Amino acid sequence: MTYDKPVVLQKQNEDTECWENVGDRPFHARVNKTGGSQSFAAGADQFPARLNFDFRYCQALEEIRYQPELYRLIYRGHTFQVIDYDDYLEQHKTVRIVGKLYEQ
């Protein structure tokens, strides 16, 4: 399995509300689209992009499990809200983070 897509992980500082990078360089992930979903806003159908980001497990990712609302992902110039975290069977081998493109 190739983890070859650079992804910047950011955490929101609870005091200043500024976004700060986690780590000193991007994490690397496998990136794939999730199953489609549809939402409705202002009477118009919308299909927000959702991507699965699969990472090798590391301690820095563990913190996302408990406060996902404080984290976001930057991938190819787009910002994704963390909406799910999965360390499959808590094996600490891979972590899947589902990101939803922030709607403008």
N, C-alpha and C. Protein backbone atom coordinates (compact mmCIF):
# COMPACT_ATOMS: atom_id res chain seq x y z
N MET A 1 0.83 -1.18 0.00
CA MET A 1 0.00 0.00 0.00
C MET A 1 0.88 1.24 0.00
N THR A 2 0.53 2.17 -0.84
CA THR A 2 1.33 3.37 -0.98
C THR A 2 0.64 4.55 -0.32
N TYR A 3 1.34 5.17 0.60
CA TYR A 3 0.86 6.38 1.25
C TYR A 3 1.67 7.53 0.63
N ASP A 4 1.17 8.06 -0.48
CA ASP A 4 2.00 8.99 -1.25
C ASP A 4 1.39 10.37 -1.47
N LYS A 5 0.25 10.65 -0.85
CA LYS A 5 -0.40 11.95 -1.03
C LYS A 5 -0.12 12.82 0.20
N PRO A 6 0.56 13.96 0.02
CA PRO A 6 0.82 14.83 1.18
C PRO A 6 -0.46 15.53 1.65
N VAL A 7 -0.68 15.45 2.96
CA VAL A 7 -1.87 16.03 3.59
C VAL A 7 -1.40 16.80 4.82
N VAL A 8 -1.81 18.05 4.91
CA VAL A 8 -1.47 18.86 6.08
C VAL A 8 -2.60 18.70 7.10
N LEU A 9 -2.23 18.36 8.31
CA LEU A 9 -3.17 18.25 9.41
C LEU A 9 -3.05 19.51 10.25
N GLN A 10 -4.18 20.13 10.56
CA GLN A 10 -4.17 21.33 11.38
C GLN A 10 -5.12 21.17 12.56
N LYS A 11 -4.73 21.81 13.67
CA LYS A 11 -5.55 21.83 14.88
C LYS A 11 -5.86 23.28 15.22
N GLN A 12 -7.09 23.52 15.64
CA GLN A 12 -7.47 24.87 16.02
C GLN A 12 -7.06 25.12 17.46
N ASN A 13 -6.31 26.21 17.66
CA ASN A 13 -5.91 26.61 19.00
C ASN A 13 -7.16 27.10 19.73
N GLU A 14 -7.49 26.48 20.85
CA GLU A 14 -8.73 26.81 21.55
C GLU A 14 -8.73 28.21 22.14
N ASP A 15 -7.55 28.78 22.40
CA ASP A 15 -7.47 30.13 22.96
C ASP A 15 -7.57 31.20 21.88
N THR A 16 -6.82 31.03 20.80
CA THR A 16 -6.77 32.07 19.76
C THR A 16 -7.70 31.78 18.59
N GLU A 17 -8.19 30.54 18.50
CA GLU A 17 -9.02 30.06 17.39
C GLU A 17 -8.28 30.07 16.04
N CYS A 18 -6.96 30.22 16.07
CA CYS A 18 -6.14 30.14 14.86
C CYS A 18 -5.82 28.67 14.57
N TRP A 19 -5.66 28.36 13.28
CA TRP A 19 -5.30 27.00 12.88
C TRP A 19 -3.78 26.87 12.87
N GLU A 20 -3.27 25.79 13.45
CA GLU A 20 -1.83 25.53 13.52
C GLU A 20 -1.54 24.15 12.97
N ASN A 21 -0.45 24.04 12.20
CA ASN A 21 -0.07 22.74 11.64
C ASN A 21 0.33 21.78 12.76
N VAL A 22 -0.06 20.54 12.59
CA VAL A 22 0.37 19.47 13.49
C VAL A 22 1.62 18.86 12.87
N GLY A 23 2.70 18.86 13.59
CA GLY A 23 3.96 18.35 13.06
C GLY A 23 4.66 19.40 12.21
N ASP A 24 5.89 19.08 11.83
CA ASP A 24 6.70 20.05 11.09
C ASP A 24 6.68 19.80 9.58
N ARG A 25 5.93 18.79 9.14
CA ARG A 25 5.81 18.51 7.70
C ARG A 25 4.50 17.77 7.46
N PRO A 26 4.09 17.69 6.20
CA PRO A 26 2.81 17.00 5.91
C PRO A 26 2.88 15.51 6.26
N PHE A 27 1.72 14.97 6.57
CA PHE A 27 1.56 13.53 6.72
C PHE A 27 1.34 12.98 5.31
N HIS A 28 1.53 11.68 5.13
CA HIS A 28 1.28 11.07 3.83
C HIS A 28 0.17 10.04 3.97
N ALA A 29 -0.73 10.05 2.99
CA ALA A 29 -1.92 9.21 3.07
C ALA A 29 -2.25 8.61 1.71
N ARG A 30 -3.09 7.60 1.75
CA ARG A 30 -3.80 7.14 0.56
C ARG A 30 -5.11 7.89 0.58
N VAL A 31 -5.54 8.39 -0.54
CA VAL A 31 -6.75 9.20 -0.60
C VAL A 31 -7.69 8.59 -1.61
N ASN A 32 -8.96 8.44 -1.20
CA ASN A 32 -9.96 7.87 -2.09
C ASN A 32 -11.31 8.49 -1.73
N LYS A 33 -12.19 8.55 -2.70
CA LYS A 33 -13.51 9.10 -2.46
C LYS A 33 -14.34 8.12 -1.65
N THR A 34 -15.25 8.68 -0.84
CA THR A 34 -16.16 7.85 -0.06
C THR A 34 -17.41 7.63 -0.89
N GLY A 35 -18.36 6.90 -0.35
CA GLY A 35 -19.66 6.76 -1.01
C GLY A 35 -20.33 8.11 -1.11
N GLY A 36 -21.09 8.33 -2.12
CA GLY A 36 -21.73 9.62 -2.34
C GLY A 36 -22.81 9.91 -1.31
N SER A 37 -23.07 11.18 -1.12
CA SER A 37 -24.16 11.61 -0.26
C SER A 37 -24.73 12.90 -0.82
N GLN A 38 -25.90 13.22 -0.39
CA GLN A 38 -26.58 14.39 -0.93
C GLN A 38 -27.11 15.20 0.24
N SER A 39 -27.01 16.52 0.12
CA SER A 39 -27.61 17.39 1.12
C SER A 39 -28.40 18.47 0.42
N PHE A 40 -29.25 19.12 1.19
CA PHE A 40 -30.10 20.16 0.62
C PHE A 40 -29.83 21.46 1.36
N ALA A 41 -29.60 22.53 0.62
CA ALA A 41 -29.40 23.85 1.21
C ALA A 41 -30.05 24.87 0.30
N ALA A 42 -30.86 25.72 0.89
CA ALA A 42 -31.54 26.78 0.14
C ALA A 42 -32.29 26.23 -1.07
N GLY A 43 -32.87 25.04 -0.91
CA GLY A 43 -33.68 24.46 -1.97
C GLY A 43 -32.91 23.87 -3.13
N ALA A 44 -31.59 23.78 -3.02
CA ALA A 44 -30.79 23.24 -4.12
C ALA A 44 -30.07 21.97 -3.65
N ASP A 45 -30.01 20.99 -4.53
CA ASP A 45 -29.25 19.78 -4.22
C ASP A 45 -27.77 20.13 -4.20
N GLN A 46 -27.05 19.54 -3.25
CA GLN A 46 -25.61 19.73 -3.17
C GLN A 46 -24.96 18.38 -2.92
N PHE A 47 -23.78 18.20 -3.47
CA PHE A 47 -23.04 16.96 -3.30
C PHE A 47 -21.64 17.30 -2.78
N PRO A 48 -21.50 17.54 -1.47
CA PRO A 48 -20.19 17.91 -0.94
C PRO A 48 -19.20 16.76 -1.07
N ALA A 49 -18.00 17.09 -1.46
CA ALA A 49 -16.96 16.07 -1.63
C ALA A 49 -16.57 15.50 -0.27
N ARG A 50 -16.51 14.18 -0.22
CA ARG A 50 -16.04 13.47 0.97
C ARG A 50 -14.92 12.54 0.53
N LEU A 51 -13.84 12.57 1.26
CA LEU A 51 -12.70 11.72 0.93
C LEU A 51 -12.29 10.91 2.14
N ASN A 52 -11.83 9.69 1.87
CA ASN A 52 -11.18 8.87 2.90
C ASN A 52 -9.69 9.14 2.83
N PHE A 53 -9.11 9.47 3.98
CA PHE A 53 -7.67 9.65 4.10
C PHE A 53 -7.15 8.52 4.97
N ASP A 54 -6.39 7.60 4.39
CA ASP A 54 -5.83 6.47 5.14
C ASP A 54 -4.37 6.76 5.44
N PHE A 55 -4.04 6.76 6.74
CA PHE A 55 -2.69 7.05 7.22
C PHE A 55 -2.13 5.83 7.94
N ARG A 56 -0.81 5.73 7.97
CA ARG A 56 -0.19 4.80 8.92
C ARG A 56 -0.43 5.37 10.30
N TYR A 57 -0.71 4.53 11.26
CA TYR A 57 -0.97 4.99 12.62
C TYR A 57 0.24 5.72 13.18
N CYS A 58 -0.01 6.81 13.87
CA CYS A 58 1.00 7.48 14.69
C CYS A 58 0.29 8.18 15.84
N GLN A 59 1.00 8.44 16.90
CA GLN A 59 0.41 9.02 18.10
C GLN A 59 -0.25 10.37 17.83
N ALA A 60 0.30 11.16 16.91
CA ALA A 60 -0.27 12.47 16.60
C ALA A 60 -1.71 12.35 16.09
N LEU A 61 -2.02 11.27 15.41
CA LEU A 61 -3.37 11.08 14.89
C LEU A 61 -4.36 10.63 15.97
N GLU A 62 -3.86 10.02 17.02
CA GLU A 62 -4.71 9.50 18.10
C GLU A 62 -5.57 10.60 18.74
N GLU A 63 -5.02 11.79 18.85
CA GLU A 63 -5.74 12.89 19.51
C GLU A 63 -7.01 13.29 18.75
N ILE A 64 -7.05 13.05 17.46
CA ILE A 64 -8.22 13.41 16.65
C ILE A 64 -9.45 12.64 17.12
N ARG A 65 -9.24 11.45 17.58
CA ARG A 65 -10.35 10.58 18.03
C ARG A 65 -11.22 11.27 19.06
N TYR A 66 -10.63 12.03 19.95
CA TYR A 66 -11.36 12.57 21.08
C TYR A 66 -11.92 13.98 20.85
N GLN A 67 -11.37 14.70 19.89
CA GLN A 67 -11.86 16.05 19.60
C GLN A 67 -11.77 16.34 18.11
N PRO A 68 -12.51 15.60 17.28
CA PRO A 68 -12.38 15.79 15.83
C PRO A 68 -12.77 17.19 15.36
N GLU A 69 -13.62 17.86 16.12
CA GLU A 69 -14.04 19.20 15.71
C GLU A 69 -12.92 20.23 15.75
N LEU A 70 -11.81 19.91 16.41
CA LEU A 70 -10.68 20.82 16.50
C LEU A 70 -9.67 20.62 15.36
N TYR A 71 -9.95 19.68 14.46
CA TYR A 71 -9.00 19.35 13.41
C TYR A 71 -9.58 19.55 12.02
N ARG A 72 -8.67 19.77 11.08
CA ARG A 72 -9.04 19.83 9.68
C ARG A 72 -7.86 19.34 8.85
N LEU A 73 -8.13 18.99 7.60
CA LEU A 73 -7.12 18.49 6.68
C LEU A 73 -7.04 19.44 5.49
N ILE A 74 -5.83 19.66 5.00
CA ILE A 74 -5.62 20.45 3.79
C ILE A 74 -5.03 19.49 2.76
N TYR A 75 -5.74 19.33 1.64
CA TYR A 75 -5.30 18.42 0.60
C TYR A 75 -5.52 19.10 -0.75
N ARG A 76 -4.44 19.20 -1.51
CA ARG A 76 -4.47 19.82 -2.84
C ARG A 76 -5.14 21.20 -2.82
N GLY A 77 -4.85 21.98 -1.79
CA GLY A 77 -5.36 23.34 -1.70
C GLY A 77 -6.80 23.44 -1.21
N HIS A 78 -7.41 22.32 -0.85
CA HIS A 78 -8.78 22.31 -0.37
C HIS A 78 -8.80 21.93 1.11
N THR A 79 -9.75 22.48 1.84
CA THR A 79 -9.85 22.26 3.28
C THR A 79 -11.01 21.30 3.57
N PHE A 80 -10.72 20.29 4.39
CA PHE A 80 -11.70 19.26 4.73
C PHE A 80 -11.92 19.22 6.24
N GLN A 81 -13.19 19.23 6.61
CA GLN A 81 -13.60 19.06 8.00
C GLN A 81 -13.50 17.58 8.35
N VAL A 82 -12.96 17.27 9.52
CA VAL A 82 -12.90 15.87 9.97
C VAL A 82 -14.28 15.47 10.46
N ILE A 83 -14.84 14.43 9.84
CA ILE A 83 -16.16 13.97 10.26
C ILE A 83 -16.16 12.54 10.81
N ASP A 84 -15.05 11.82 10.66
CA ASP A 84 -14.98 10.48 11.23
C ASP A 84 -13.52 10.07 11.38
N TYR A 85 -13.28 9.24 12.39
CA TYR A 85 -11.94 8.72 12.70
C TYR A 85 -12.10 7.23 12.97
N ASP A 86 -11.25 6.40 12.37
CA ASP A 86 -11.35 4.96 12.59
C ASP A 86 -9.97 4.33 12.65
N ASP A 87 -9.61 3.85 13.84
CA ASP A 87 -8.42 3.02 14.04
C ASP A 87 -8.97 1.59 14.11
N TYR A 88 -9.02 0.92 12.97
CA TYR A 88 -9.71 -0.36 12.83
C TYR A 88 -9.33 -1.33 13.95
N LEU A 89 -10.34 -1.72 14.73
CA LEU A 89 -10.20 -2.63 15.86
C LEU A 89 -9.10 -2.20 16.84
N GLU A 90 -8.78 -0.91 16.83
CA GLU A 90 -7.73 -0.35 17.69
C GLU A 90 -6.43 -1.14 17.57
N GLN A 91 -6.10 -1.52 16.35
CA GLN A 91 -4.87 -2.27 16.10
C GLN A 91 -3.65 -1.37 15.97
N HIS A 92 -3.87 -0.06 15.83
CA HIS A 92 -2.79 0.92 15.69
C HIS A 92 -1.88 0.60 14.50
N LYS A 93 -2.53 0.23 13.39
CA LYS A 93 -1.77 0.00 12.15
C LYS A 93 -2.09 1.07 11.12
N THR A 94 -3.38 1.28 10.89
CA THR A 94 -3.80 2.33 9.97
C THR A 94 -4.95 3.11 10.62
N VAL A 95 -5.06 4.35 10.22
CA VAL A 95 -6.15 5.20 10.68
C VAL A 95 -6.84 5.77 9.45
N ARG A 96 -8.16 5.66 9.43
CA ARG A 96 -8.94 6.26 8.35
C ARG A 96 -9.63 7.49 8.92
N ILE A 97 -9.41 8.62 8.27
CA ILE A 97 -10.09 9.85 8.63
C ILE A 97 -10.94 10.24 7.43
N VAL A 98 -12.22 10.46 7.69
CA VAL A 98 -13.12 10.89 6.62
C VAL A 98 -13.21 12.40 6.71
N GLY A 99 -12.96 13.04 5.56
CA GLY A 99 -13.03 14.49 5.50
C GLY A 99 -14.11 14.94 4.56
N LYS A 100 -14.81 16.00 4.95
CA LYS A 100 -15.86 16.60 4.12
C LYS A 100 -15.40 17.99 3.71
N LEU A 101 -15.44 18.26 2.43
CA LEU A 101 -15.03 19.55 1.93
C LEU A 101 -15.86 20.64 2.58
N TYR A 102 -15.18 21.65 3.12
CA TYR A 102 -15.92 22.77 3.70
C TYR A 102 -16.73 23.44 2.62
N GLU A 103 -18.00 23.66 2.89
CA GLU A 103 -18.88 24.31 1.93
C GLU A 103 -18.74 25.81 2.10
N GLN A 104 -18.56 26.49 1.00
CA GLN A 104 -18.35 27.94 1.03
C GLN A 104 -19.64 28.68 1.21
